[in-house]
């Protein structure tokens, strides 16, 4: 009887591993993906550049 459970576990292991990886990907996707912290840093950098460009544009508009 013990042999049956060992064989069942060994045979089911690849499917259980596949399900675990799939659940892991779903959790990561729900949290915002793998690159969410990099995307946040990039977005912050882009906002700083936009603010700098707006200051330059305002200065050019004020000049005679």
C-alpha atoms as a PDB file:
ATOM      1  CA  UNK A   1       0.000   0.000   0.000  1.00  0.00           C
ATOM      2  CA  UNK A   2       2.863   2.389   0.733  1.00  0.00           C
ATOM      3  CA  UNK A   3       4.325   1.761  -2.708  1.00  0.00           C
ATOM      4  CA  UNK A   4       1.063   2.938  -4.304  1.00  0.00           C
ATOM      5  CA  UNK A   5       1.203   6.336  -2.563  1.00  0.00           C
ATOM      6  CA  UNK A   6       4.880   6.838  -3.362  1.00  0.00           C
ATOM      7  CA  UNK A   7       4.297   6.078  -7.046  1.00  0.00           C
ATOM      8  CA  UNK A   8       1.244   8.352  -7.089  1.00  0.00           C
ATOM      9  CA  UNK A   9       3.208  11.210  -5.556  1.00  0.00           C
ATOM     10  CA  UNK A  10       6.146  10.724  -7.937  1.00  0.00           C
ATOM     11  CA  UNK A  11       3.825  10.602 -10.939  1.00  0.00           C
ATOM     12  CA  UNK A  12       1.823  13.627  -9.789  1.00  0.00           C
ATOM     13  CA  UNK A  13       4.875  15.764  -8.967  1.00  0.00           C
ATOM     14  CA  UNK A  14       5.309  17.327 -12.469  1.00  0.00           C
ATOM     15  CA  UNK A  15       1.652  18.351 -12.571  1.00  0.00           C
ATOM     16  CA  UNK A  16       1.788  19.767  -9.042  1.00  0.00           C
ATOM     17  CA  UNK A  17       4.932  21.689  -9.958  1.00  0.00           C
ATOM     18  CA  UNK A  18       3.241  23.084 -13.064  1.00  0.00           C
ATOM     19  CA  UNK A  19       0.231  24.194 -11.021  1.00  0.00           C
ATOM     20  CA  UNK A  20       2.502  25.832  -8.414  1.00  0.00           C
ATOM     21  CA  UNK A  21       4.382  27.770 -11.101  1.00  0.00           C
ATOM     22  CA  UNK A  22       1.117  28.846 -12.715  1.00  0.00           C
ATOM     23  CA  UNK A  23      -0.243  30.085  -9.372  1.00  0.00           C
ATOM     24  CA  UNK A  24       3.033  31.953  -8.801  1.00  0.00           C
ATOM     25  CA  UNK A  25       2.724  33.706 -12.151  1.00  0.00           C
ATOM     26  CA  UNK A  26      -0.876  34.637 -11.418  1.00  0.00           C
ATOM     27  CA  UNK A  27       0.135  36.176  -8.085  1.00  0.00           C
ATOM     28  CA  UNK A  28       2.936  38.133  -9.752  1.00  0.00           C
ATOM     29  CA  UNK A  29       0.588  39.323 -12.495  1.00  0.00           C
ATOM     30  CA  UNK A  30      -1.963  40.482  -9.953  1.00  0.00           C
ATOM     31  CA  UNK A  31       0.696  42.430  -8.042  1.00  0.00           C
ATOM     32  CA  UNK A  32       1.733  44.283 -11.170  1.00  0.00           C
ATOM     33  CA  UNK A  33       4.225  42.078 -12.891  1.00  0.00           C
ATOM     34  CA  UNK A  34       7.889  41.423 -12.556  1.00  0.00           C
ATOM     35  CA  UNK A  35       9.087  44.892 -13.476  1.00  0.00           C
ATOM     36  CA  UNK A  36       6.714  47.020 -11.416  1.00  0.00           C
ATOM     37  CA  UNK A  37       9.475  48.575  -9.279  1.00  0.00           C
ATOM     38  CA  UNK A  38      11.503  49.370 -12.399  1.00  0.00           C
ATOM     39  CA  UNK A  39       8.481  50.836 -14.108  1.00  0.00           C
ATOM     40  CA  UNK A  40       7.780  53.011 -11.069  1.00  0.00           C
ATOM     41  CA  UNK A  41      11.351  54.340 -11.094  1.00  0.00           C
ATOM     42  CA  UNK A  42      11.121  55.007 -14.847  1.00  0.00           C
ATOM     43  CA  UNK A  43       7.810  56.833 -14.403  1.00  0.00           C
ATOM     44  CA  UNK A  44       9.306  58.997 -11.652  1.00  0.00           C
ATOM     45  CA  UNK A  45      12.260  59.864 -13.889  1.00  0.00           C
ATOM     46  CA  UNK A  46       9.923  60.784 -16.747  1.00  0.00           C
ATOM     47  CA  UNK A  47       7.905  63.065 -14.444  1.00  0.00           C
ATOM     48  CA  UNK A  48      11.100  64.844 -13.402  1.00  0.00           C
ATOM     49  CA  UNK A  49      12.045  65.357 -17.058  1.00  0.00           C
ATOM     50  CA  UNK A  50       8.587  66.714 -17.881  1.00  0.00           C
ATOM     51  CA  UNK A  51       8.819  69.158 -14.976  1.00  0.00           C
ATOM     52  CA  UNK A  52      12.241  70.320 -16.174  1.00  0.00           C
ATOM     53  CA  UNK A  53      10.973  70.795 -19.731  1.00  0.00           C
ATOM     54  CA  UNK A  54       7.977  72.765 -18.467  1.00  0.00           C
ATOM     55  CA  UNK A  55      10.324  75.079 -16.544  1.00  0.00           C
ATOM     56  CA  UNK A  56      12.437  75.568 -19.678  1.00  0.00           C
ATOM     57  CA  UNK A  57       9.345  76.278 -21.788  1.00  0.00           C
ATOM     58  CA  UNK A  58       8.093  78.803 -19.226  1.00  0.00           C
ATOM     59  CA  UNK A  59      11.460  80.542 -19.216  1.00  0.00           C
ATOM     60  CA  UNK A  60      11.517  80.724 -23.022  1.00  0.00           C
ATOM     61  CA  UNK A  61       7.990  82.175 -23.094  1.00  0.00           C
ATOM     62  CA  UNK A  62       9.013  84.915 -20.634  1.00  0.00           C
ATOM     63  CA  UNK A  63      12.091  85.948 -22.607  1.00  0.00           C
ATOM     64  CA  UNK A  64      11.617  88.836 -25.056  1.00  0.00           C
END
